[in-house]
Amino acid sequence: MLHARLATTDDAAAIAHIYNQGIADRIATFETRRRTADDICAWFDGVHPVVVVESDSGIVAFALTSTYSPRECYAGVAEFSVYVARAARGLGAGRLAMQALIAAAAQSGFWKLVSRVFPENTASLTLLGSLGFRQVGVYINHARLDGVWRNVVIVERLLLDDSQ
């Protein structure tokens, strides 16, 4: 049985393990440097929610928000990321992590979530589309990964009711 909750720094080692799988797989991030639990602890700034999904065997997914821009006018916009352990992919953990993150971000006062997704990461694009994210464009040659220029699809979701 999967369940989501807000993460704590006690979860940092498990989060680092999953994130490092994502780095190694080269389908979800431009990052190439493996992260430690200490690196992950820096994500807990008291402003940006981090959530985890647990199964009977432990943490199998996480999602987080981070600063979109240091400019004050964008204080309500957060970037997000979601990662699922290899063994748990396709089991609904990513969906549960994103549902929990969307709720936590809205409760924290964010009005928009944004991210960039590799076009080849169709599982993430499909998941995000099913959760109300819209594709707003493509950054061409956004950055290099292993020496190769990569494009990214820009996605966003408004968290406020459309009438607000």
N, C-alpha and C. Protein backbone atom coordinates (compact mmCIF):
# COMPACT_ATOMS: atom_id res chain seq x y z
N MET A 1 0.85 -1.19 0.00
CA MET A 1 0.00 0.00 0.00
C MET A 1 0.89 1.24 0.00
N LEU A 2 0.63 2.15 -0.90
CA LEU A 2 1.39 3.39 -1.00
C LEU A 2 0.68 4.50 -0.24
N HIS A 3 1.47 5.34 0.44
CA HIS A 3 0.91 6.55 1.04
C HIS A 3 1.95 7.65 0.98
N ALA A 4 1.44 8.88 0.86
CA ALA A 4 2.31 10.06 0.75
C ALA A 4 2.27 10.84 2.06
N ARG A 5 3.38 11.53 2.32
CA ARG A 5 3.47 12.39 3.49
C ARG A 5 4.53 13.45 3.22
N LEU A 6 4.52 14.50 4.03
CA LEU A 6 5.60 15.48 3.96
C LEU A 6 6.89 14.81 4.40
N ALA A 7 7.95 15.11 3.71
CA ALA A 7 9.25 14.54 4.05
C ALA A 7 9.90 15.30 5.20
N THR A 8 10.84 14.65 5.84
CA THR A 8 11.66 15.28 6.86
C THR A 8 13.12 15.01 6.51
N THR A 9 14.02 15.66 7.22
CA THR A 9 15.45 15.42 6.97
C THR A 9 15.83 13.98 7.27
N ASP A 10 15.04 13.28 8.07
CA ASP A 10 15.31 11.86 8.33
C ASP A 10 15.17 11.02 7.06
N ASP A 11 14.49 11.55 6.05
CA ASP A 11 14.28 10.85 4.79
C ASP A 11 15.38 11.13 3.77
N ALA A 12 16.35 11.96 4.13
CA ALA A 12 17.34 12.44 3.16
C ALA A 12 18.13 11.32 2.49
N ALA A 13 18.53 10.31 3.20
CA ALA A 13 19.32 9.23 2.60
C ALA A 13 18.50 8.48 1.55
N ALA A 14 17.24 8.19 1.86
CA ALA A 14 16.38 7.49 0.90
C ALA A 14 16.11 8.36 -0.32
N ILE A 15 15.89 9.65 -0.11
CA ILE A 15 15.68 10.57 -1.23
C ILE A 15 16.93 10.63 -2.10
N ALA A 16 18.10 10.72 -1.48
CA ALA A 16 19.36 10.76 -2.24
C ALA A 16 19.51 9.50 -3.08
N HIS A 17 19.16 8.36 -2.53
CA HIS A 17 19.28 7.09 -3.27
C HIS A 17 18.41 7.13 -4.53
N ILE A 18 17.17 7.58 -4.40
CA ILE A 18 16.27 7.64 -5.56
C ILE A 18 16.75 8.69 -6.55
N TYR A 19 17.17 9.83 -6.05
CA TYR A 19 17.66 10.90 -6.95
C TYR A 19 18.88 10.43 -7.72
N ASN A 20 19.77 9.72 -7.06
CA ASN A 20 20.97 9.22 -7.73
C ASN A 20 20.63 8.21 -8.81
N GLN A 21 19.56 7.44 -8.64
CA GLN A 21 19.10 6.57 -9.72
C GLN A 21 18.66 7.42 -10.91
N GLY A 22 17.94 8.50 -10.65
CA GLY A 22 17.50 9.39 -11.71
C GLY A 22 18.67 10.03 -12.44
N ILE A 23 19.71 10.40 -11.70
CA ILE A 23 20.91 10.96 -12.31
C ILE A 23 21.56 9.92 -13.22
N ALA A 24 21.70 8.71 -12.72
CA ALA A 24 22.34 7.63 -13.49
C ALA A 24 21.56 7.27 -14.74
N ASP A 25 20.24 7.33 -14.68
CA ASP A 25 19.40 6.92 -15.81
C ASP A 25 19.42 7.92 -16.96
N ARG A 26 19.77 9.17 -16.69
CA ARG A 26 19.92 10.20 -17.72
C ARG A 26 18.64 10.51 -18.49
N ILE A 27 17.48 10.31 -17.84
CA ILE A 27 16.21 10.62 -18.51
C ILE A 27 15.40 11.70 -17.79
N ALA A 28 15.92 12.20 -16.66
CA ALA A 28 15.09 13.11 -15.88
C ALA A 28 15.80 14.38 -15.41
N THR A 29 17.11 14.47 -15.55
CA THR A 29 17.81 15.64 -15.03
C THR A 29 19.11 15.86 -15.79
N PHE A 30 19.53 17.11 -15.84
CA PHE A 30 20.84 17.44 -16.39
C PHE A 30 21.95 17.22 -15.37
N GLU A 31 21.58 17.03 -14.13
CA GLU A 31 22.58 16.82 -13.08
C GLU A 31 23.38 15.55 -13.34
N THR A 32 24.66 15.61 -13.01
CA THR A 32 25.52 14.43 -13.16
C THR A 32 26.24 14.08 -11.87
N ARG A 33 26.26 15.00 -10.91
CA ARG A 33 26.95 14.74 -9.64
C ARG A 33 25.99 14.05 -8.68
N ARG A 34 26.42 12.89 -8.18
CA ARG A 34 25.61 12.17 -7.20
C ARG A 34 25.41 13.02 -5.95
N ARG A 35 24.28 12.85 -5.30
CA ARG A 35 23.96 13.62 -4.09
C ARG A 35 24.08 12.75 -2.85
N THR A 36 24.43 13.42 -1.76
CA THR A 36 24.50 12.77 -0.45
C THR A 36 23.28 13.18 0.37
N ALA A 37 23.10 12.53 1.49
CA ALA A 37 22.01 12.91 2.38
C ALA A 37 22.19 14.35 2.85
N ASP A 38 23.42 14.78 3.08
CA ASP A 38 23.66 16.16 3.48
C ASP A 38 23.23 17.14 2.39
N ASP A 39 23.49 16.79 1.13
CA ASP A 39 23.02 17.64 0.02
C ASP A 39 21.51 17.78 0.05
N ILE A 40 20.82 16.68 0.29
CA ILE A 40 19.36 16.68 0.29
C ILE A 40 18.82 17.50 1.46
N CYS A 41 19.47 17.45 2.60
CA CYS A 41 19.01 18.22 3.77
C CYS A 41 18.91 19.70 3.45
N ALA A 42 19.73 20.19 2.54
CA ALA A 42 19.69 21.61 2.16
C ALA A 42 18.38 21.98 1.47
N TRP A 43 17.65 20.99 0.94
CA TRP A 43 16.37 21.27 0.29
C TRP A 43 15.30 21.69 1.29
N PHE A 44 15.47 21.36 2.55
CA PHE A 44 14.45 21.62 3.57
C PHE A 44 14.65 23.03 4.11
N ASP A 45 14.06 24.00 3.42
CA ASP A 45 14.26 25.41 3.76
C ASP A 45 13.09 26.01 4.53
N GLY A 46 12.07 25.20 4.81
CA GLY A 46 10.91 25.70 5.53
C GLY A 46 9.92 26.44 4.66
N VAL A 47 10.22 26.62 3.39
CA VAL A 47 9.35 27.33 2.45
C VAL A 47 8.82 26.38 1.38
N HIS A 48 9.69 25.54 0.86
CA HIS A 48 9.36 24.69 -0.28
C HIS A 48 9.06 23.26 0.18
N PRO A 49 7.83 22.79 -0.04
CA PRO A 49 7.48 21.45 0.40
C PRO A 49 8.25 20.36 -0.35
N VAL A 50 8.55 19.31 0.40
CA VAL A 50 9.12 18.07 -0.13
C VAL A 50 8.22 16.96 0.38
N VAL A 51 7.80 16.07 -0.50
CA VAL A 51 6.94 14.95 -0.09
C VAL A 51 7.61 13.64 -0.49
N VAL A 52 7.27 12.59 0.24
CA VAL A 52 7.73 11.25 -0.09
C VAL A 52 6.53 10.33 -0.19
N VAL A 53 6.72 9.26 -0.93
CA VAL A 53 5.73 8.18 -1.01
C VAL A 53 6.39 6.94 -0.44
N GLU A 54 5.68 6.30 0.48
CA GLU A 54 6.19 5.10 1.12
C GLU A 54 5.36 3.89 0.74
N SER A 55 6.04 2.77 0.68
CA SER A 55 5.38 1.48 0.56
C SER A 55 5.79 0.68 1.81
N ASP A 56 5.39 -0.57 1.87
CA ASP A 56 5.79 -1.41 3.00
C ASP A 56 7.29 -1.57 3.08
N SER A 57 7.98 -1.38 1.95
CA SER A 57 9.43 -1.56 1.92
C SER A 57 10.22 -0.27 2.15
N GLY A 58 9.52 0.86 2.29
CA GLY A 58 10.21 2.12 2.52
C GLY A 58 9.83 3.17 1.50
N ILE A 59 10.64 4.20 1.42
CA ILE A 59 10.37 5.32 0.50
C ILE A 59 10.65 4.90 -0.94
N VAL A 60 9.67 5.12 -1.81
CA VAL A 60 9.80 4.69 -3.21
C VAL A 60 9.71 5.85 -4.20
N ALA A 61 9.37 7.05 -3.72
CA ALA A 61 9.27 8.21 -4.61
C ALA A 61 9.33 9.47 -3.77
N PHE A 62 9.67 10.56 -4.45
CA PHE A 62 9.61 11.87 -3.79
C PHE A 62 9.32 12.93 -4.84
N ALA A 63 8.82 14.05 -4.37
CA ALA A 63 8.61 15.22 -5.21
C ALA A 63 8.92 16.43 -4.35
N LEU A 64 9.44 17.47 -5.00
CA LEU A 64 9.81 18.66 -4.26
C LEU A 64 9.57 19.91 -5.06
N THR A 65 9.48 21.00 -4.34
CA THR A 65 9.46 22.31 -4.97
C THR A 65 10.76 23.01 -4.63
N SER A 66 11.11 23.96 -5.47
CA SER A 66 12.31 24.76 -5.24
C SER A 66 12.07 26.15 -5.81
N THR A 67 12.99 27.05 -5.56
CA THR A 67 12.86 28.43 -5.99
C THR A 67 12.85 28.53 -7.51
N TYR A 68 11.86 29.19 -8.05
CA TYR A 68 11.80 29.45 -9.49
C TYR A 68 12.70 30.62 -9.85
N SER A 69 12.61 31.68 -9.08
CA SER A 69 13.38 32.89 -9.32
C SER A 69 13.55 33.62 -8.00
N PRO A 70 14.68 34.28 -7.80
CA PRO A 70 14.85 35.06 -6.56
C PRO A 70 14.06 36.37 -6.56
N ARG A 71 13.50 36.75 -7.70
CA ARG A 71 12.73 38.00 -7.78
C ARG A 71 11.45 37.88 -6.97
N GLU A 72 11.16 38.90 -6.17
CA GLU A 72 10.02 38.87 -5.26
C GLU A 72 8.69 38.64 -5.98
N CYS A 73 8.55 39.16 -7.19
CA CYS A 73 7.28 39.03 -7.91
C CYS A 73 6.96 37.57 -8.25
N TYR A 74 7.96 36.69 -8.22
CA TYR A 74 7.75 35.28 -8.53
C TYR A 74 7.72 34.39 -7.28
N ALA A 75 7.54 35.00 -6.12
CA ALA A 75 7.58 34.23 -4.87
C ALA A 75 6.53 33.12 -4.82
N GLY A 76 5.45 33.25 -5.56
CA GLY A 76 4.40 32.24 -5.56
C GLY A 76 4.53 31.20 -6.65
N VAL A 77 5.61 31.25 -7.39
CA VAL A 77 5.87 30.27 -8.44
C VAL A 77 7.00 29.36 -7.96
N ALA A 78 6.80 28.07 -8.07
CA ALA A 78 7.84 27.12 -7.65
C ALA A 78 8.16 26.16 -8.78
N GLU A 79 9.43 25.83 -8.90
CA GLU A 79 9.82 24.72 -9.78
C GLU A 79 9.53 23.44 -9.02
N PHE A 80 9.34 22.36 -9.76
CA PHE A 80 9.13 21.08 -9.09
C PHE A 80 9.88 19.98 -9.82
N SER A 81 10.11 18.92 -9.08
CA SER A 81 10.70 17.70 -9.63
C SER A 81 10.02 16.51 -8.96
N VAL A 82 9.97 15.41 -9.68
CA VAL A 82 9.43 14.17 -9.12
C VAL A 82 10.31 13.02 -9.59
N TYR A 83 10.63 12.12 -8.68
CA TYR A 83 11.48 10.97 -8.97
C TYR A 83 10.89 9.73 -8.32
N VAL A 84 10.98 8.62 -9.03
CA VAL A 84 10.47 7.34 -8.53
C VAL A 84 11.59 6.32 -8.60
N ALA A 85 11.73 5.53 -7.55
CA ALA A 85 12.73 4.46 -7.53
C ALA A 85 12.48 3.52 -8.69
N ARG A 86 13.55 3.02 -9.28
CA ARG A 86 13.40 2.14 -10.46
C ARG A 86 12.40 1.02 -10.21
N ALA A 87 12.48 0.36 -9.06
CA ALA A 87 11.64 -0.81 -8.78
C ALA A 87 10.16 -0.43 -8.61
N ALA A 88 9.87 0.85 -8.41
CA ALA A 88 8.48 1.27 -8.17
C ALA A 88 7.87 2.01 -9.35
N ARG A 89 8.60 2.16 -10.44
CA ARG A 89 8.06 2.90 -11.59
C ARG A 89 6.89 2.14 -12.20
N GLY A 90 5.87 2.91 -12.58
CA GLY A 90 4.68 2.32 -13.19
C GLY A 90 3.66 1.80 -12.20
N LEU A 91 3.88 2.04 -10.90
CA LEU A 91 2.97 1.52 -9.87
C LEU A 91 2.10 2.61 -9.24
N GLY A 92 2.20 3.84 -9.74
CA GLY A 92 1.38 4.92 -9.22
C GLY A 92 2.06 5.79 -8.18
N ALA A 93 3.31 5.50 -7.86
CA ALA A 93 4.02 6.28 -6.83
C ALA A 93 4.26 7.72 -7.29
N GLY A 94 4.59 7.91 -8.57
CA GLY A 94 4.81 9.25 -9.09
C GLY A 94 3.54 10.08 -9.05
N ARG A 95 2.42 9.48 -9.40
CA ARG A 95 1.12 10.17 -9.35
C ARG A 95 0.81 10.59 -7.92
N LEU A 96 0.99 9.67 -6.98
CA LEU A 96 0.70 9.98 -5.59
C LEU A 96 1.63 11.08 -5.07
N ALA A 97 2.90 11.03 -5.45
CA ALA A 97 3.84 12.07 -5.03
C ALA A 97 3.43 13.42 -5.57
N MET A 98 3.04 13.48 -6.83
CA MET A 98 2.64 14.76 -7.43
C MET A 98 1.33 15.27 -6.84
N GLN A 99 0.38 14.39 -6.59
CA GLN A 99 -0.87 14.83 -5.97
C GLN A 99 -0.60 15.44 -4.60
N ALA A 100 0.27 14.80 -3.83
CA ALA A 100 0.62 15.33 -2.51
C ALA A 100 1.38 16.63 -2.63
N LEU A 101 2.26 16.73 -3.62
CA LEU A 101 3.04 17.95 -3.79
C LEU A 101 2.15 19.11 -4.22
N ILE A 102 1.24 18.86 -5.12
CA ILE A 102 0.31 19.91 -5.57
C ILE A 102 -0.46 20.45 -4.37
N ALA A 103 -0.98 19.58 -3.54
CA ALA A 103 -1.73 20.01 -2.35
C ALA A 103 -0.83 20.78 -1.38
N ALA A 104 0.36 20.27 -1.14
CA ALA A 104 1.28 20.93 -0.20
C ALA A 104 1.73 22.28 -0.72
N ALA A 105 1.97 22.37 -2.03
CA ALA A 105 2.40 23.65 -2.62
C ALA A 105 1.29 24.68 -2.52
N ALA A 106 0.06 24.28 -2.81
CA ALA A 106 -1.06 25.21 -2.70
C ALA A 106 -1.24 25.65 -1.25
N GLN A 107 -1.13 24.72 -0.32
CA GLN A 107 -1.27 25.06 1.10
C GLN A 107 -0.15 25.99 1.55
N SER A 108 1.00 25.90 0.91
CA SER A 108 2.14 26.76 1.25
C SER A 108 2.06 28.13 0.59
N GLY A 109 1.02 28.37 -0.21
CA GLY A 109 0.82 29.67 -0.82
C GLY A 109 1.35 29.83 -2.23
N PHE A 110 1.80 28.76 -2.85
CA PHE A 110 2.25 28.85 -4.23
C PHE A 110 1.05 28.87 -5.15
N TRP A 111 1.12 29.66 -6.23
CA TRP A 111 0.01 29.72 -7.17
C TRP A 111 0.32 29.02 -8.49
N LYS A 112 1.58 28.66 -8.69
CA LYS A 112 1.93 27.98 -9.94
C LYS A 112 3.12 27.06 -9.72
N LEU A 113 3.08 25.90 -10.38
CA LEU A 113 4.21 24.97 -10.43
C LEU A 113 4.70 24.90 -11.87
N VAL A 114 6.01 24.91 -12.06
CA VAL A 114 6.61 24.83 -13.39
C VAL A 114 7.77 23.83 -13.37
N SER A 115 8.05 23.27 -14.52
CA SER A 115 9.20 22.39 -14.65
C SER A 115 9.58 22.25 -16.11
N ARG A 116 10.65 21.56 -16.33
CA ARG A 116 11.13 21.22 -17.66
C ARG A 116 11.37 19.71 -17.70
N VAL A 117 10.92 19.08 -18.78
CA VAL A 117 10.96 17.63 -18.89
C VAL A 117 11.60 17.26 -20.22
N PHE A 118 12.51 16.29 -20.21
CA PHE A 118 13.07 15.81 -21.47
C PHE A 118 11.93 15.26 -22.34
N PRO A 119 11.89 15.60 -23.62
CA PRO A 119 10.81 15.12 -24.49
C PRO A 119 10.72 13.59 -24.54
N GLU A 120 11.84 12.92 -24.34
CA GLU A 120 11.87 11.45 -24.37
C GLU A 120 11.25 10.83 -23.12
N ASN A 121 11.07 11.63 -22.08
CA ASN A 121 10.52 11.13 -20.82
C ASN A 121 8.99 11.14 -20.91
N THR A 122 8.49 10.28 -21.77
CA THR A 122 7.05 10.27 -22.05
C THR A 122 6.23 9.86 -20.82
N ALA A 123 6.78 9.04 -19.95
CA ALA A 123 6.05 8.65 -18.74
C ALA A 123 5.76 9.89 -17.89
N SER A 124 6.74 10.74 -17.71
CA SER A 124 6.53 11.96 -16.92
C SER A 124 5.57 12.91 -17.63
N LEU A 125 5.74 13.10 -18.92
CA LEU A 125 4.85 14.01 -19.66
C LEU A 125 3.41 13.53 -19.61
N THR A 126 3.20 12.23 -19.72
CA THR A 126 1.85 11.67 -19.65
C THR A 126 1.27 11.86 -18.25
N LEU A 127 2.06 11.56 -17.24
CA LEU A 127 1.60 11.75 -15.86
C LEU A 127 1.21 13.20 -15.61
N LEU A 128 2.10 14.12 -15.96
CA LEU A 128 1.83 15.53 -15.70
C LEU A 128 0.61 16.02 -16.47
N GLY A 129 0.45 15.59 -17.70
CA GLY A 129 -0.73 15.96 -18.47
C GLY A 129 -2.01 15.48 -17.80
N SER A 130 -1.98 14.28 -17.24
CA SER A 130 -3.17 13.73 -16.59
C SER A 130 -3.48 14.45 -15.28
N LEU A 131 -2.51 15.19 -14.74
CA LEU A 131 -2.72 15.93 -13.50
C LEU A 131 -2.98 17.42 -13.74
N GLY A 132 -3.24 17.78 -14.99
CA GLY A 132 -3.63 19.15 -15.29
C GLY A 132 -2.50 20.08 -15.66
N PHE A 133 -1.30 19.56 -15.85
CA PHE A 133 -0.20 20.40 -16.33
C PHE A 133 -0.35 20.57 -17.83
N ARG A 134 0.00 21.74 -18.31
CA ARG A 134 -0.04 21.97 -19.75
C ARG A 134 1.36 22.24 -20.26
N GLN A 135 1.59 21.82 -21.48
CA GLN A 135 2.87 22.09 -22.13
C GLN A 135 2.80 23.48 -22.74
N VAL A 136 3.78 24.32 -22.39
CA VAL A 136 3.74 25.70 -22.87
C VAL A 136 4.84 26.01 -23.87
N GLY A 137 5.67 25.05 -24.17
CA GLY A 137 6.72 25.28 -25.15
C GLY A 137 7.86 24.30 -25.00
N VAL A 138 8.86 24.52 -25.84
CA VAL A 138 10.06 23.68 -25.81
C VAL A 138 11.27 24.61 -25.84
N TYR A 139 12.18 24.39 -24.91
CA TYR A 139 13.48 25.05 -24.98
C TYR A 139 14.38 24.17 -25.83
N ILE A 140 14.88 24.72 -26.92
CA ILE A 140 15.77 24.00 -27.82
C ILE A 140 17.21 24.16 -27.31
N ASN A 141 17.96 23.06 -27.33
CA ASN A 141 19.36 23.09 -26.87
C ASN A 141 19.48 23.80 -25.53
N HIS A 142 18.69 23.37 -24.57
CA HIS A 142 18.62 24.04 -23.27
C HIS A 142 19.92 23.87 -22.47
N ALA A 143 20.49 22.69 -22.53
CA ALA A 143 21.76 22.42 -21.83
C ALA A 143 22.33 21.13 -22.40
N ARG A 144 23.58 20.90 -22.06
CA ARG A 144 24.23 19.67 -22.50
C ARG A 144 24.22 18.63 -21.40
N LEU A 145 24.01 17.40 -21.80
CA LEU A 145 24.11 16.26 -20.91
C LEU A 145 25.04 15.26 -21.57
N ASP A 146 26.12 14.97 -20.90
CA ASP A 146 27.15 14.09 -21.46
C ASP A 146 27.62 14.59 -22.82
N GLY A 147 27.72 15.91 -22.95
CA GLY A 147 28.24 16.52 -24.16
C GLY A 147 27.25 16.67 -25.29
N VAL A 148 26.01 16.28 -25.08
CA VAL A 148 24.99 16.33 -26.12
C VAL A 148 23.95 17.38 -25.74
N TRP A 149 23.63 18.28 -26.68
CA TRP A 149 22.58 19.27 -26.45
C TRP A 149 21.26 18.56 -26.30
N ARG A 150 20.47 18.98 -25.30
CA ARG A 150 19.16 18.37 -25.06
C ARG A 150 18.09 19.45 -25.03
N ASN A 151 16.95 19.13 -25.58
CA ASN A 151 15.77 19.98 -25.50
C ASN A 151 14.98 19.62 -24.25
N VAL A 152 14.12 20.54 -23.82
CA VAL A 152 13.20 20.25 -22.72
C VAL A 152 11.83 20.84 -23.02
N VAL A 153 10.80 20.15 -22.57
CA VAL A 153 9.42 20.61 -22.68
C VAL A 153 9.10 21.38 -21.40
N ILE A 154 8.55 22.57 -21.54
CA ILE A 154 8.19 23.41 -20.40
C ILE A 154 6.74 23.07 -20.03
N VAL A 155 6.52 22.79 -18.74
CA VAL A 155 5.17 22.49 -18.27
C VAL A 155 4.82 23.42 -17.11
N GLU A 156 3.52 23.68 -16.96
CA GLU A 156 3.05 24.50 -15.84
C GLU A 156 1.67 24.05 -15.42
N ARG A 157 1.37 24.36 -14.16
CA ARG A 157 0.00 24.15 -13.65
C ARG A 157 -0.30 25.27 -12.68
N LEU A 158 -1.43 25.93 -12.89
CA LEU A 158 -1.90 26.92 -11.95
C LEU A 158 -2.56 26.19 -10.78
N LEU A 159 -2.30 26.65 -9.58
CA LEU A 159 -2.84 26.00 -8.40
C LEU A 159 -4.07 26.71 -7.87
N LEU A 160 -4.31 27.95 -8.29
CA LEU A 160 -5.48 28.69 -7.87
C LEU A 160 -6.64 28.37 -8.78
N ASP A 161 -7.83 28.53 -8.28
CA ASP A 161 -9.02 28.39 -9.09
C ASP A 161 -8.95 29.41 -10.22
N ASP A 162 -9.37 29.02 -11.42
CA ASP A 162 -9.28 29.91 -12.59
C ASP A 162 -10.01 31.23 -12.41
N SER A 163 -10.98 31.29 -11.52
CA SER A 163 -11.73 32.51 -11.34
C SER A 163 -11.02 33.52 -10.45
N GLN A 164 -9.92 33.12 -9.84
CA GLN A 164 -9.19 34.02 -8.92
C GLN A 164 -8.19 34.87 -9.65
